[in-house]
Amino acid sequence: MDQSKLRPPVGAKHKRKRVGCGNGSGHGSYSGRGCKGQKSRSGPNVRVGFEGGQLPLIKRLPAQRGFTNRYKTIYSTVNVGKLNDFAADTEVTAAELHKAGMIQTLQYPIKILGGGDIDRVLTVKAQKFSASAKEKIVAAGGKAEEV
């Protein structure tokens, strides 16, 4: 096969549309732009989202205010009162909390919050503790270890 004899398949190539070259070309007089109006004129066209002077959709919607920090840490939270479900002298870890159904996923770090009361000795291992949660665990005779 000779590369100089290769040709594209029939119908793959099209001639450029030459507008404004007489009515015999099929693209004369209005040059495919229709009759009159803003979009038939030469020069820059209307911007994206322009609605002919009507208040555009983007301005009709309520404004989004403030900002969202994309880098904030999202925690799985568990209240101290829920830890009463575990037997005394147990080591409570992320895996144990997940198995007990207190957290949905192991994807996020765990924070123990101070809601409720604890009445048993537990060793709780988590990434963060609120001050009141740590207080309650230690007061019950347990340990609050930050991992």
Protein backbone atom coordinates (compact mmCIF):
# COMPACT_ATOMS: atom_id res chain seq x y z
CA MET A 1 0.00 0.00 0.00
CA ASP A 2 1.36 3.42 -0.99
CA GLN A 3 0.75 6.22 1.56
CA SER A 4 0.62 8.85 -1.17
CA LYS A 5 -2.44 7.15 -2.66
CA LEU A 6 -4.48 7.03 0.56
CA ARG A 7 -7.71 9.05 0.43
CA PRO A 8 -10.33 9.74 3.09
CA PRO A 9 -13.60 7.82 2.63
CA VAL A 10 -16.31 9.41 0.50
CA GLY A 11 -18.42 11.87 2.52
CA ALA A 12 -15.80 12.38 5.23
CA LYS A 13 -14.61 15.74 3.90
CA HIS A 14 -16.89 18.75 3.39
CA LYS A 15 -16.34 22.01 1.58
CA ARG A 16 -16.28 25.12 3.75
CA LYS A 17 -19.61 27.00 3.74
CA ARG A 18 -18.96 30.25 1.82
CA VAL A 19 -21.73 32.64 2.81
CA GLY A 20 -22.70 35.85 1.07
CA CYS A 21 -21.53 34.73 -2.38
CA GLY A 22 -24.81 35.15 -4.28
CA ASN A 23 -28.15 33.39 -4.19
CA GLY A 24 -26.93 30.69 -6.57
CA SER A 25 -24.65 29.36 -3.82
CA GLY A 26 -27.65 28.73 -1.53
CA HIS A 27 -26.11 31.02 1.12
CA GLY A 28 -26.68 34.43 -0.42
CA SER A 29 -28.68 37.48 0.73
CA TYR A 30 -29.11 36.74 4.49
CA SER A 31 -26.16 34.28 4.63
CA GLY A 32 -27.97 31.74 6.84
CA ARG A 33 -28.66 34.31 9.60
CA GLY A 34 -32.41 34.77 8.98
CA CYS A 35 -34.07 38.19 8.68
CA LYS A 36 -33.12 41.21 10.79
CA GLY A 37 -32.67 41.23 14.57
CA GLN A 38 -29.80 41.24 17.04
CA LYS A 39 -28.32 37.90 15.97
CA SER A 40 -28.31 38.79 12.29
CA ARG A 41 -25.98 41.77 12.77
CA SER A 42 -22.22 41.69 12.47
CA GLY A 43 -19.97 42.24 15.46
CA PRO A 44 -20.00 40.58 18.91
CA ASN A 45 -23.06 38.53 19.77
CA VAL A 46 -25.02 38.47 23.05
CA ARG A 47 -23.31 37.06 26.14
CA VAL A 48 -24.11 33.67 27.65
CA GLY A 49 -27.24 33.85 29.83
CA PHE A 50 -28.55 37.06 28.20
CA GLU A 51 -32.36 36.97 28.03
CA GLY A 52 -33.10 40.02 25.93
CA GLY A 53 -33.21 42.48 28.80
CA GLN A 54 -35.42 40.29 31.03
CA LEU A 55 -33.88 39.75 34.46
CA PRO A 56 -31.67 36.70 33.84
CA LEU A 57 -32.12 33.42 35.68
CA ILE A 58 -28.77 33.78 37.45
CA LYS A 59 -29.98 37.04 39.06
CA ARG A 60 -33.47 35.70 39.85
CA LEU A 61 -32.12 32.89 42.03
CA PRO A 62 -31.38 33.57 45.71
CA ALA A 63 -27.78 34.63 46.36
CA GLN A 64 -25.36 32.15 47.90
CA ARG A 65 -23.65 34.00 50.76
CA GLY A 66 -20.48 33.28 52.69
CA PHE A 67 -18.21 30.44 51.78
CA THR A 68 -17.63 26.76 52.57
CA ASN A 69 -14.23 25.65 53.78
CA ARG A 70 -13.27 22.72 51.54
CA TYR A 71 -10.54 21.60 53.92
CA LYS A 72 -12.52 21.30 57.17
CA THR A 73 -12.28 18.02 59.08
CA ILE A 74 -15.53 16.08 59.27
CA TYR A 75 -15.86 13.89 62.37
CA SER A 76 -18.05 10.91 63.17
CA THR A 77 -19.49 11.89 66.56
CA VAL A 78 -20.55 9.69 69.45
CA ASN A 79 -22.01 10.89 72.75
CA VAL A 80 -20.62 9.60 76.05
CA GLY A 81 -24.06 8.29 77.07
CA LYS A 82 -24.01 5.81 74.15
CA LEU A 83 -20.82 4.19 75.50
CA ASN A 84 -22.90 2.55 78.27
CA ASP A 85 -23.79 -0.11 75.67
CA PHE A 86 -20.29 -1.58 76.10
CA ALA A 87 -19.38 -3.92 78.95
CA ALA A 88 -17.22 -2.56 81.79
CA ASP A 89 -13.41 -2.70 81.38
CA THR A 90 -13.71 -2.75 77.55
CA GLU A 91 -11.38 -0.96 75.17
CA VAL A 92 -13.59 1.12 72.87
CA THR A 93 -12.00 1.72 69.44
CA ALA A 94 -13.27 2.89 66.05
CA ALA A 95 -13.81 -0.72 64.95
CA GLU A 96 -15.87 -1.46 68.09
CA LEU A 97 -18.04 1.63 67.56
CA HIS A 98 -18.60 0.64 63.94
CA LYS A 99 -19.52 -2.92 64.90
CA ALA A 100 -22.02 -1.58 67.49
CA GLY A 101 -23.60 0.64 64.78
CA MET A 102 -22.76 3.91 66.52
CA ILE A 103 -20.86 5.22 63.49
CA GLN A 104 -21.71 4.54 59.85
CA THR A 105 -18.20 4.48 58.38
CA LEU A 106 -14.56 4.23 59.42
CA GLN A 107 -13.68 6.85 56.80
CA TYR A 108 -13.80 9.84 59.19
CA PRO A 109 -11.96 10.46 62.46
CA ILE A 110 -14.01 10.00 65.63
CA LYS A 111 -14.91 12.66 68.20
CA ILE A 112 -16.48 11.76 71.54
CA LEU A 113 -18.95 14.39 72.78
CA GLY A 114 -20.24 14.98 76.30
CA GLY A 115 -23.95 14.23 75.84
CA GLY A 116 -25.39 11.89 78.49
CA ASP A 117 -23.69 10.18 81.45
CA ILE A 118 -21.36 7.20 81.71
CA ASP A 119 -21.47 4.78 84.64
CA ARG A 120 -18.78 2.21 83.80
CA VAL A 121 -14.99 2.01 83.49
CA LEU A 122 -13.95 2.12 79.82
CA THR A 123 -10.76 2.81 77.89
CA VAL A 124 -11.90 4.97 74.98
CA LYS A 125 -9.58 5.52 72.01
CA ALA A 126 -10.56 8.27 69.57
CA GLN A 127 -9.03 11.12 67.57
CA LYS A 128 -10.70 13.85 69.63
CA PHE A 129 -12.66 14.36 72.85
CA SER A 130 -14.69 17.32 73.99
CA ALA A 131 -13.60 18.66 77.39
CA SER A 132 -16.82 17.50 79.08
CA ALA A 133 -16.58 14.02 77.53
CA LYS A 134 -13.02 13.55 78.77
CA GLU A 135 -14.11 14.75 82.23
CA LYS A 136 -17.00 12.26 82.42
CA ILE A 137 -14.92 9.26 81.25
CA VAL A 138 -12.15 9.99 83.78
CA ALA A 139 -14.72 10.65 86.56
CA ALA A 140 -16.20 7.19 85.93
CA GLY A 141 -12.70 5.71 86.39
CA GLY A 142 -11.89 5.15 82.72
CA LYS A 143 -9.27 6.46 80.31
CA ALA A 144 -9.67 8.83 77.34
CA GLU A 145 -6.79 8.21 74.93
CA GLU A 146 -6.30 10.40 71.86
CA VAL A 147 -5.06 8.34 68.91
